[in-house]
Structures are given as C-alpha cells and as structure tokens.
PDB file of all heavy atoms in Angstrom:
ATOM      1  N   MET A   1    -215.483  95.051-196.998  1.00  0.00           N
ATOM      2  CA  MET A   1    -215.367  93.671-196.632  1.00  0.00           C
ATOM      3  C   MET A   1    -216.675  93.022-196.149  1.00  0.00           C
ATOM      4  O   MET A   1    -217.060  91.921-196.475  1.00  0.00           O
ATOM      5  CB  MET A   1    -214.263  93.449-195.510  1.00  0.00           C
ATOM      6  CG  MET A   1    -212.803  93.776-195.942  1.00  0.00           C
ATOM      7  SD  MET A   1    -211.660  93.675-194.665  1.00  0.00           S
ATOM      8  CE  MET A   1    -211.811  91.982-194.108  1.00  0.00           C
ATOM      9  N   ALA A   2    -217.417  93.870-195.410  1.00  0.00           N
ATOM     10  CA  ALA A   2    -218.704  93.379-194.953  1.00  0.00           C
ATOM     11  C   ALA A   2    -219.656  93.142-196.031  1.00  0.00           C
ATOM     12  O   ALA A   2    -220.510  92.224-196.084  1.00  0.00           O
ATOM     13  CB  ALA A   2    -219.197  94.360-193.917  1.00  0.00           C
ATOM     14  N   TYR A   3    -219.604  93.987-197.047  1.00  0.00           N
ATOM     15  CA  TYR A   3    -220.476  93.945-198.231  1.00  0.00           C
ATOM     16  C   TYR A   3    -220.123  92.727-199.062  1.00  0.00           C
ATOM     17  O   TYR A   3    -221.017  91.974-199.601  1.00  0.00           O
ATOM     18  CB  TYR A   3    -220.477  95.138-199.006  1.00  0.00           C
ATOM     19  CG  TYR A   3    -221.321  95.010-200.322  1.00  0.00           C
ATOM     20  CD1 TYR A   3    -222.750  95.287-200.148  1.00  0.00           C
ATOM     21  CD2 TYR A   3    -220.800  94.614-201.530  1.00  0.00           C
ATOM     22  CE1 TYR A   3    -223.502  95.099-201.319  1.00  0.00           C
ATOM     23  CE2 TYR A   3    -221.595  94.511-202.624  1.00  0.00           C
ATOM     24  CZ  TYR A   3    -222.969  94.823-202.544  1.00  0.00           C
ATOM     25  OH  TYR A   3    -223.785  94.563-203.581  1.00  0.00           O
ATOM     26  N   SER A   4    -218.801  92.387-199.198  1.00  0.00           N
ATOM     27  CA  SER A   4    -218.346  91.327-200.036  1.00  0.00           C
ATOM     28  C   SER A   4    -218.736  90.026-199.529  1.00  0.00           C
ATOM     29  O   SER A   4    -218.859  89.023-200.404  1.00  0.00           O
ATOM     30  CB  SER A   4    -216.845  91.436-200.192  1.00  0.00           C
ATOM     31  OG  SER A   4    -216.428  92.664-200.770  1.00  0.00           O
ATOM     32  N   ILE A   5    -218.909  89.814-198.269  1.00  0.00           N
ATOM     33  CA  ILE A   5    -219.185  88.485-197.706  1.00  0.00           C
ATOM     34  C   ILE A   5    -220.755  88.136-198.068  1.00  0.00           C
ATOM     35  O   ILE A   5    -221.559  88.821-197.762  1.00  0.00           O
ATOM     36  CB  ILE A   5    -219.061  88.418-196.073  1.00  0.00           C
ATOM     37  CG1 ILE A   5    -217.600  88.722-195.878  1.00  0.00           C
ATOM     38  CG2 ILE A   5    -219.436  87.084-195.596  1.00  0.00           C
ATOM     39  CD1 ILE A   5    -217.316  88.858-194.418  1.00  0.00           C
ATOM     40  N   ARG A   6    -220.903  86.973-198.739  1.00  0.00           N
ATOM     41  CA  ARG A   6    -222.193  86.467-199.115  1.00  0.00           C
ATOM     42  C   ARG A   6    -222.885  87.359-200.142  1.00  0.00           C
ATOM     43  O   ARG A   6    -224.073  87.258-200.338  1.00  0.00           O
ATOM     44  CB  ARG A   6    -223.044  86.328-197.880  1.00  0.00           C
ATOM     45  CG  ARG A   6    -222.571  85.423-196.788  1.00  0.00           C
ATOM     46  CD  ARG A   6    -222.575  83.881-197.256  1.00  0.00           C
ATOM     47  NE  ARG A   6    -223.763  83.387-197.449  1.00  0.00           N
ATOM     48  CZ  ARG A   6    -224.560  82.829-196.534  1.00  0.00           C
ATOM     49  NH1 ARG A   6    -224.117  82.721-195.299  1.00  0.00           N
ATOM     50  NH2 ARG A   6    -225.746  82.373-196.784  1.00  0.00           N
ATOM     51  N   ASN A   7    -222.151  88.224-200.828  1.00  0.00           N
ATOM     52  CA  ASN A   7    -222.664  88.970-201.940  1.00  0.00           C
ATOM     53  C   ASN A   7    -221.795  88.879-203.178  1.00  0.00           C
ATOM     54  O   ASN A   7    -220.547  88.812-202.975  1.00  0.00           O
ATOM     55  CB  ASN A   7    -222.778  90.506-201.534  1.00  0.00           C
ATOM     56  CG  ASN A   7    -224.054  90.838-200.720  1.00  0.00           C
ATOM     57  OD1 ASN A   7    -225.073  90.408-200.986  1.00  0.00           O
ATOM     58  ND2 ASN A   7    -223.820  91.530-199.593  1.00  0.00           N
ATOM     59  N   LYS A   8    -222.370  88.876-204.348  1.00  0.00           N
ATOM     60  CA  LYS A   8    -221.622  88.831-205.544  1.00  0.00           C
ATOM     61  C   LYS A   8    -221.428  90.407-206.044  1.00  0.00           C
ATOM     62  O   LYS A   8    -222.373  91.127-206.133  1.00  0.00           O
ATOM     63  CB  LYS A   8    -222.429  88.175-206.643  1.00  0.00           C
ATOM     64  CG  LYS A   8    -222.603  86.677-206.396  1.00  0.00           C
ATOM     65  CD  LYS A   8    -223.467  86.067-207.517  1.00  0.00           C
ATOM     66  CE  LYS A   8    -223.714  84.623-207.275  1.00  0.00           C
ATOM     67  NZ  LYS A   8    -224.561  83.945-208.386  1.00  0.00           N
ATOM     68  N   CYS A   9    -220.202  90.779-206.154  1.00  0.00           N
ATOM     69  CA  CYS A   9    -219.914  92.139-206.537  1.00  0.00           C
ATOM     70  C   CYS A   9    -218.544  92.223-207.197  1.00  0.00           C
ATOM     71  O   CYS A   9    -217.725  91.258-207.228  1.00  0.00           O
ATOM     72  CB  CYS A   9    -219.855  92.992-205.252  1.00  0.00           C
ATOM     73  SG  CYS A   9    -218.575  92.514-204.009  1.00  0.00           S
ATOM     74  N   SER A  10    -218.405  93.241-207.997  1.00  0.00           N
ATOM     75  CA  SER A  10    -217.134  93.385-208.868  1.00  0.00           C
ATOM     76  C   SER A  10    -216.091  94.005-207.940  1.00  0.00           C
ATOM     77  O   SER A  10    -216.357  94.622-206.952  1.00  0.00           O
ATOM     78  CB  SER A  10    -217.441  94.179-210.059  1.00  0.00           C
ATOM     79  OG  SER A  10    -217.810  95.587-209.632  1.00  0.00           O
ATOM     80  N   ARG A  11    -214.843  93.913-208.543  1.00  0.00           N
ATOM     81  CA  ARG A  11    -213.730  94.422-207.881  1.00  0.00           C
ATOM     82  C   ARG A  11    -213.821  96.011-207.836  1.00  0.00           C
ATOM     83  O   ARG A  11    -213.424  96.692-206.904  1.00  0.00           O
ATOM     84  CB  ARG A  11    -212.445  94.024-208.554  1.00  0.00           C
ATOM     85  CG  ARG A  11    -211.141  94.504-207.835  1.00  0.00           C
ATOM     86  CD  ARG A  11    -209.963  93.933-208.412  1.00  0.00           C
ATOM     87  NE  ARG A  11    -209.706  94.254-209.842  1.00  0.00           N
ATOM     88  CZ  ARG A  11    -208.788  93.895-210.596  1.00  0.00           C
ATOM     89  NH1 ARG A  11    -207.808  93.117-210.100  1.00  0.00           N
ATOM     90  NH2 ARG A  11    -208.719  94.250-211.878  1.00  0.00           N
ATOM     91  N   SER A  12    -214.402  96.519-208.975  1.00  0.00           N
ATOM     92  CA  SER A  12    -214.451  98.002-209.075  1.00  0.00           C
ATOM     93  C   SER A  12    -215.441  98.576-208.017  1.00  0.00           C
ATOM     94  O   SER A  12    -215.149  99.608-207.471  1.00  0.00           O
ATOM     95  CB  SER A  12    -215.021  98.490-210.476  1.00  0.00           C
ATOM     96  OG  SER A  12    -216.252  97.928-210.728  1.00  0.00           O
ATOM     97  N   PHE A  13    -216.452  97.815-207.739  1.00  0.00           N
ATOM     98  CA  PHE A  13    -217.458  98.223-206.755  1.00  0.00           C
ATOM     99  C   PHE A  13    -216.829  98.171-205.346  1.00  0.00           C
ATOM    100  O   PHE A  13    -217.028  99.081-204.489  1.00  0.00           O
ATOM    101  CB  PHE A  13    -218.748  97.447-206.751  1.00  0.00           C
ATOM    102  CG  PHE A  13    -219.854  97.872-205.788  1.00  0.00           C
ATOM    103  CD1 PHE A  13    -220.437  99.142-205.950  1.00  0.00           C
ATOM    104  CD2 PHE A  13    -220.136  97.099-204.691  1.00  0.00           C
ATOM    105  CE1 PHE A  13    -221.372  99.580-205.079  1.00  0.00           C
ATOM    106  CE2 PHE A  13    -221.151  97.593-203.818  1.00  0.00           C
ATOM    107  CZ  PHE A  13    -221.768  98.788-204.027  1.00  0.00           C
ATOM    108  N   THR A  14    -216.076  97.143-204.961  1.00  0.00           N
ATOM    109  CA  THR A  14    -215.556  97.057-203.660  1.00  0.00           C
ATOM    110  C   THR A  14    -214.485  98.175-203.443  1.00  0.00           C
ATOM    111  O   THR A  14    -214.265  98.734-202.336  1.00  0.00           O
ATOM    112  CB  THR A  14    -214.887  95.658-203.429  1.00  0.00           C
ATOM    113  OG1 THR A  14    -213.922  95.381-204.516  1.00  0.00           O
ATOM    114  CG2 THR A  14    -215.956  94.628-203.421  1.00  0.00           C
ATOM    115  N   THR A  15    -213.702  98.400-204.540  1.00  0.00           N
ATOM    116  CA  THR A  15    -212.757  99.487-204.460  1.00  0.00           C
ATOM    117  C   THR A  15    -213.505 100.891-204.303  1.00  0.00           C
ATOM    118  O   THR A  15    -212.943 101.717-203.499  1.00  0.00           O
ATOM    119  CB  THR A  15    -211.916  99.541-205.806  1.00  0.00           C
ATOM    120  OG1 THR A  15    -211.275  98.327-205.923  1.00  0.00           O
ATOM    121  CG2 THR A  15    -210.837 100.628-205.702  1.00  0.00           C
ATOM    122  N   THR A  16    -214.555 101.025-204.891  1.00  0.00           N
ATOM    123  CA  THR A  16    -215.354 102.328-204.722  1.00  0.00           C
ATOM    124  C   THR A  16    -215.668 102.437-203.311  1.00  0.00           C
ATOM    125  O   THR A  16    -215.622 103.596-202.709  1.00  0.00           O
ATOM    126  CB  THR A  16    -216.617 102.237-205.653  1.00  0.00           C
ATOM    127  OG1 THR A  16    -216.188 102.158-207.032  1.00  0.00           O
ATOM    128  CG2 THR A  16    -217.466 103.493-205.446  1.00  0.00           C
ATOM    129  N   LEU A  17    -216.254 101.380-202.580  1.00  0.00           N
ATOM    130  CA  LEU A  17    -216.616 101.513-201.230  1.00  0.00           C
ATOM    131  C   LEU A  17    -215.465 101.859-200.311  1.00  0.00           C
ATOM    132  O   LEU A  17    -215.608 102.416-199.332  1.00  0.00           O
ATOM    133  CB  LEU A  17    -217.257 100.080-200.809  1.00  0.00           C
ATOM    134  CG  LEU A  17    -218.603  99.770-201.349  1.00  0.00           C
ATOM    135  CD1 LEU A  17    -219.088  98.456-200.857  1.00  0.00           C
ATOM    136  CD2 LEU A  17    -219.593 100.856-201.105  1.00  0.00           C
ATOM    137  N   ILE A  18    -214.271 101.489-200.739  1.00  0.00           N
ATOM    138  CA  ILE A  18    -213.064 101.688-199.885  1.00  0.00           C
ATOM    139  C   ILE A  18    -212.694 103.200-200.043  1.00  0.00           C
ATOM    140  O   ILE A  18    -212.321 103.858-199.112  1.00  0.00           O
ATOM    141  CB  ILE A  18    -211.884 100.740-200.264  1.00  0.00           C
ATOM    142  CG1 ILE A  18    -212.235  99.339-199.899  1.00  0.00           C
ATOM    143  CG2 ILE A  18    -210.680 101.209-199.572  1.00  0.00           C
ATOM    144  CD1 ILE A  18    -211.162  98.380-200.436  1.00  0.00           C
ATOM    145  N   MET A  19    -212.675 103.650-201.314  1.00  0.00           N
ATOM    146  CA  MET A  19    -212.134 104.954-201.575  1.00  0.00           C
ATOM    147  C   MET A  19    -213.238 106.094-201.335  1.00  0.00           C
ATOM    148  O   MET A  19    -212.759 107.247-201.082  1.00  0.00           O
ATOM    149  CB  MET A  19    -211.697 105.086-202.993  1.00  0.00           C
ATOM    150  CG  MET A  19    -210.612 104.085-203.395  1.00  0.00           C
ATOM    151  SD  MET A  19    -209.140 104.256-202.351  1.00  0.00           S
ATOM    152  CE  MET A  19    -208.630 105.881-202.818  1.00  0.00           C
ATOM    153  N   LEU A  20    -214.542 105.827-201.413  1.00  0.00           N
ATOM    154  CA  LEU A  20    -215.473 106.882-201.333  1.00  0.00           C
ATOM    155  C   LEU A  20    -215.525 107.647-200.043  1.00  0.00           C
ATOM    156  O   LEU A  20    -215.701 108.980-200.010  1.00  0.00           O
ATOM    157  CB  LEU A  20    -216.831 106.257-201.591  1.00  0.00           C
ATOM    158  CG  LEU A  20    -218.022 107.205-201.839  1.00  0.00           C
ATOM    159  CD1 LEU A  20    -217.669 108.200-202.865  1.00  0.00           C
ATOM    160  CD2 LEU A  20    -219.336 106.440-202.047  1.00  0.00           C
ATOM    161  N   PRO A  21    -215.415 106.997-198.906  1.00  0.00           N
ATOM    162  CA  PRO A  21    -215.248 107.832-197.684  1.00  0.00           C
ATOM    163  C   PRO A  21    -214.215 108.825-197.665  1.00  0.00           C
ATOM    164  O   PRO A  21    -214.365 109.961-197.149  1.00  0.00           O
ATOM    165  CB  PRO A  21    -215.167 106.742-196.502  1.00  0.00           C
ATOM    166  CG  PRO A  21    -215.733 105.560-197.121  1.00  0.00           C
ATOM    167  CD  PRO A  21    -215.383 105.593-198.604  1.00  0.00           C
ATOM    168  N   THR A  22    -213.017 108.426-198.145  1.00  0.00           N
ATOM    169  CA  THR A  22    -211.831 109.354-198.168  1.00  0.00           C
ATOM    170  C   THR A  22    -212.152 110.538-199.101  1.00  0.00           C
ATOM    171  O   THR A  22    -211.757 111.749-198.783  1.00  0.00           O
ATOM    172  CB  THR A  22    -210.595 108.652-198.625  1.00  0.00           C
ATOM    173  OG1 THR A  22    -210.431 107.478-197.829  1.00  0.00           O
ATOM    174  CG2 THR A  22    -209.294 109.484-198.504  1.00  0.00           C
ATOM    175  N   ILE A  23    -212.731 110.290-200.296  1.00  0.00           N
ATOM    176  CA  ILE A  23    -213.034 111.372-201.194  1.00  0.00           C
ATOM    177  C   ILE A  23    -214.037 112.309-200.596  1.00  0.00           C
ATOM    178  O   ILE A  23    -213.851 113.580-200.711  1.00  0.00           O
ATOM    179  CB  ILE A  23    -213.579 110.730-202.571  1.00  0.00           C
ATOM    180  CG1 ILE A  23    -212.481 109.862-203.163  1.00  0.00           C
ATOM    181  CG2 ILE A  23    -214.015 111.842-203.474  1.00  0.00           C
ATOM    182  CD1 ILE A  23    -212.892 109.139-204.447  1.00  0.00           C
ATOM    183  N   VAL A  24    -215.089 111.775-200.019  1.00  0.00           N
ATOM    184  CA  VAL A  24    -216.112 112.700-199.438  1.00  0.00           C
ATOM    185  C   VAL A  24    -215.546 113.437-198.262  1.00  0.00           C
ATOM    186  O   VAL A  24    -215.817 114.632-198.116  1.00  0.00           O
ATOM    187  CB  VAL A  24    -217.343 111.829-198.956  1.00  0.00           C
ATOM    188  CG1 VAL A  24    -218.381 112.755-198.200  1.00  0.00           C
ATOM    189  CG2 VAL A  24    -218.119 111.096-200.142  1.00  0.00           C
ATOM    190  N   GLU A  25    -214.676 112.823-197.475  1.00  0.00           N
ATOM    191  CA  GLU A  25    -214.008 113.484-196.316  1.00  0.00           C
ATOM    192  C   GLU A  25    -213.199 114.688-196.790  1.00  0.00           C
ATOM    193  O   GLU A  25    -213.269 115.757-196.199  1.00  0.00           O
ATOM    194  CB  GLU A  25    -213.147 112.436-195.555  1.00  0.00           C
ATOM    195  CG  GLU A  25    -212.186 112.988-194.649  1.00  0.00           C
ATOM    196  CD  GLU A  25    -210.691 112.889-195.182  1.00  0.00           C
ATOM    197  OE1 GLU A  25    -210.360 111.709-195.450  1.00  0.00           O
ATOM    198  OE2 GLU A  25    -209.921 113.830-195.230  1.00  0.00           O
ATOM    199  N   LEU A  26    -212.418 114.468-197.890  1.00  0.00           N
ATOM    200  CA  LEU A  26    -211.633 115.628-198.448  1.00  0.00           C
ATOM    201  C   LEU A  26    -212.512 116.745-198.835  1.00  0.00           C
ATOM    202  O   LEU A  26    -212.177 117.923-198.612  1.00  0.00           O
ATOM    203  CB  LEU A  26    -210.766 115.088-199.528  1.00  0.00           C
ATOM    204  CG  LEU A  26    -209.905 116.133-200.238  1.00  0.00           C
ATOM    205  CD1 LEU A  26    -208.873 116.756-199.201  1.00  0.00           C
ATOM    206  CD2 LEU A  26    -209.143 115.509-201.388  1.00  0.00           C
ATOM    207  N   VAL A  27    -213.585 116.445-199.657  1.00  0.00           N
ATOM    208  CA  VAL A  27    -214.514 117.498-200.058  1.00  0.00           C
ATOM    209  C   VAL A  27    -215.054 118.205-198.925  1.00  0.00           C
ATOM    210  O   VAL A  27    -215.144 119.462-198.903  1.00  0.00           O
ATOM    211  CB  VAL A  27    -215.597 116.876-200.932  1.00  0.00           C
ATOM    212  CG1 VAL A  27    -216.637 117.909-201.267  1.00  0.00           C
ATOM    213  CG2 VAL A  27    -214.991 116.210-202.201  1.00  0.00           C
ATOM    214  N   ILE A  28    -215.517 117.523-197.953  1.00  0.00           N
ATOM    215  CA  ILE A  28    -216.201 118.193-196.716  1.00  0.00           C
ATOM    216  C   ILE A  28    -215.194 119.164-195.991  1.00  0.00           C
ATOM    217  O   ILE A  28    -215.453 120.183-195.542  1.00  0.00           O
ATOM    218  CB  ILE A  28    -216.754 117.109-195.725  1.00  0.00           C
ATOM    219  CG1 ILE A  28    -217.844 116.358-196.360  1.00  0.00           C
ATOM    220  CG2 ILE A  28    -217.287 117.796-194.426  1.00  0.00           C
ATOM    221  CD1 ILE A  28    -218.993 117.244-196.945  1.00  0.00           C
ATOM    222  N   ILE A  29    -213.923 118.613-195.819  1.00  0.00           N
ATOM    223  CA  ILE A  29    -212.909 119.503-195.256  1.00  0.00           C
ATOM    224  C   ILE A  29    -212.673 120.697-195.983  1.00  0.00           C
ATOM    225  O   ILE A  29    -212.514 121.780-195.417  1.00  0.00           O
ATOM    226  CB  ILE A  29    -211.483 118.690-195.080  1.00  0.00           C
ATOM    227  CG1 ILE A  29    -211.658 117.645-193.898  1.00  0.00           C
ATOM    228  CG2 ILE A  29    -210.407 119.540-194.769  1.00  0.00           C
ATOM    229  CD1 ILE A  29    -210.503 116.794-193.688  1.00  0.00           C
ATOM    230  N   LEU A  30    -212.571 120.719-197.348  1.00  0.00           N
ATOM    231  CA  LEU A  30    -212.268 121.762-198.167  1.00  0.00           C
ATOM    232  C   LEU A  30    -213.367 122.816-198.175  1.00  0.00           C
ATOM    233  O   LEU A  30    -213.146 124.055-198.342  1.00  0.00           O
ATOM    234  CB  LEU A  30    -211.924 121.315-199.584  1.00  0.00           C
ATOM    235  CG  LEU A  30    -210.692 120.480-199.759  1.00  0.00           C
ATOM    236  CD1 LEU A  30    -210.469 120.086-201.199  1.00  0.00           C
ATOM    237  CD2 LEU A  30    -209.371 121.307-199.195  1.00  0.00           C
ATOM    238  N   VAL A  31    -214.659 122.443-198.092  1.00  0.00           N
ATOM    239  CA  VAL A  31    -215.722 123.357-198.107  1.00  0.00           C
ATOM    240  C   VAL A  31    -216.319 123.709-196.783  1.00  0.00           C
ATOM    241  O   VAL A  31    -217.344 124.417-196.690  1.00  0.00           O
ATOM    242  CB  VAL A  31    -216.904 122.725-198.976  1.00  0.00           C
ATOM    243  CG1 VAL A  31    -216.475 122.441-200.389  1.00  0.00           C
ATOM    244  CG2 VAL A  31    -217.540 121.591-198.287  1.00  0.00           C
ATOM    245  N   ASN A  32    -215.659 123.182-195.711  1.00  0.00           N
ATOM    246  CA  ASN A  32    -216.133 123.471-194.337  1.00  0.00           C
ATOM    247  C   ASN A  32    -216.181 124.947-194.067  1.00  0.00           C
ATOM    248  O   ASN A  32    -215.210 125.616-194.074  1.00  0.00           O
ATOM    249  CB  ASN A  32    -215.248 122.676-193.304  1.00  0.00           C
ATOM    250  CG  ASN A  32    -215.845 122.677-191.969  1.00  0.00           C
ATOM    251  OD1 ASN A  32    -216.960 123.094-191.699  1.00  0.00           O
ATOM    252  ND2 ASN A  32    -215.060 122.296-191.002  1.00  0.00           N
ATOM    253  N   GLY A  33    -217.371 125.443-193.767  1.00  0.00           N
ATOM    254  CA  GLY A  33    -217.501 126.844-193.429  1.00  0.00           C
ATOM    255  C   GLY A  33    -217.702 127.784-194.698  1.00  0.00           C
ATOM    256  O   GLY A  33    -218.034 128.915-194.538  1.00  0.00           O
ATOM    257  N   ASN A  34    -217.587 127.197-195.886  1.00  0.00           N
ATOM    258  CA  ASN A  34    -217.784 127.946-197.150  1.00  0.00           C
ATOM    259  C   ASN A  34    -219.162 127.573-197.784  1.00  0.00           C
ATOM    260  O   ASN A  34    -219.254 126.553-198.379  1.00  0.00           O
ATOM    261  CB  ASN A  34    -216.667 127.705-198.145  1.00  0.00           C
ATOM    262  CG  ASN A  34    -216.615 128.744-199.323  1.00  0.00           C
ATOM    263  OD1 ASN A  34    -217.706 129.148-199.746  1.00  0.00           O
ATOM    264  ND2 ASN A  34    -215.349 129.035-199.678  1.00  0.00           N
ATOM    265  N   ILE A  35    -220.189 128.326-197.547  1.00  0.00           N
ATOM    266  CA  ILE A  35    -221.528 128.032-198.065  1.00  0.00           C
ATOM    267  C   ILE A  35    -221.541 127.954-199.719  1.00  0.00           C
ATOM    268  O   ILE A  35    -222.166 127.008-200.263  1.00  0.00           O
ATOM    269  CB  ILE A  35    -222.502 129.029-197.599  1.00  0.00           C
ATOM    270  CG1 ILE A  35    -222.628 128.985-195.987  1.00  0.00           C
ATOM    271  CG2 ILE A  35    -223.922 128.712-198.151  1.00  0.00           C
ATOM    272  CD1 ILE A  35    -223.545 130.091-195.450  1.00  0.00           C
ATOM    273  N   GLY A  36    -220.809 128.883-200.283  1.00  0.00           N
ATOM    274  CA  GLY A  36    -220.881 128.884-201.785  1.00  0.00           C
ATOM    275  C   GLY A  36    -220.249 127.676-202.384  1.00  0.00           C
ATOM    276  O   GLY A  36    -220.771 127.016-203.206  1.00  0.00           O
ATOM    277  N   ALA A  37    -219.125 127.300-201.745  1.00  0.00           N
ATOM    278  CA  ALA A  37    -218.472 126.037-202.245  1.00  0.00           C
ATOM    279  C   ALA A  37    -219.256 124.879-201.952  1.00  0.00           C
ATOM    280  O   ALA A  37    -219.275 123.968-202.748  1.00  0.00           O
ATOM    281  CB  ALA A  37    -217.051 126.012-201.648  1.00  0.00           C
TER     282      ALA A  37
END
C-alpha cells in the first residue's frame, strides 16, 4: 500500500510485495538450523 501511493505499478507487482514476506518466512522457518538446506 505504501508503494502504490504516488507510484505507477502493476497489480502483479503489488501482489508480489504482499506475498513475498510470507514465502520468505516459510523458507526461513523450514531451513532454520539446517546449513545444507
């Protein structure tokens, strides 16, 4: 929402900004403590 104000952007990019933290969070949780992963 902060990026969309006064900026021209596509719906796909705003959706990416919303979903990306959740995806990264899941990856970090799954590899937490596993150096190889």
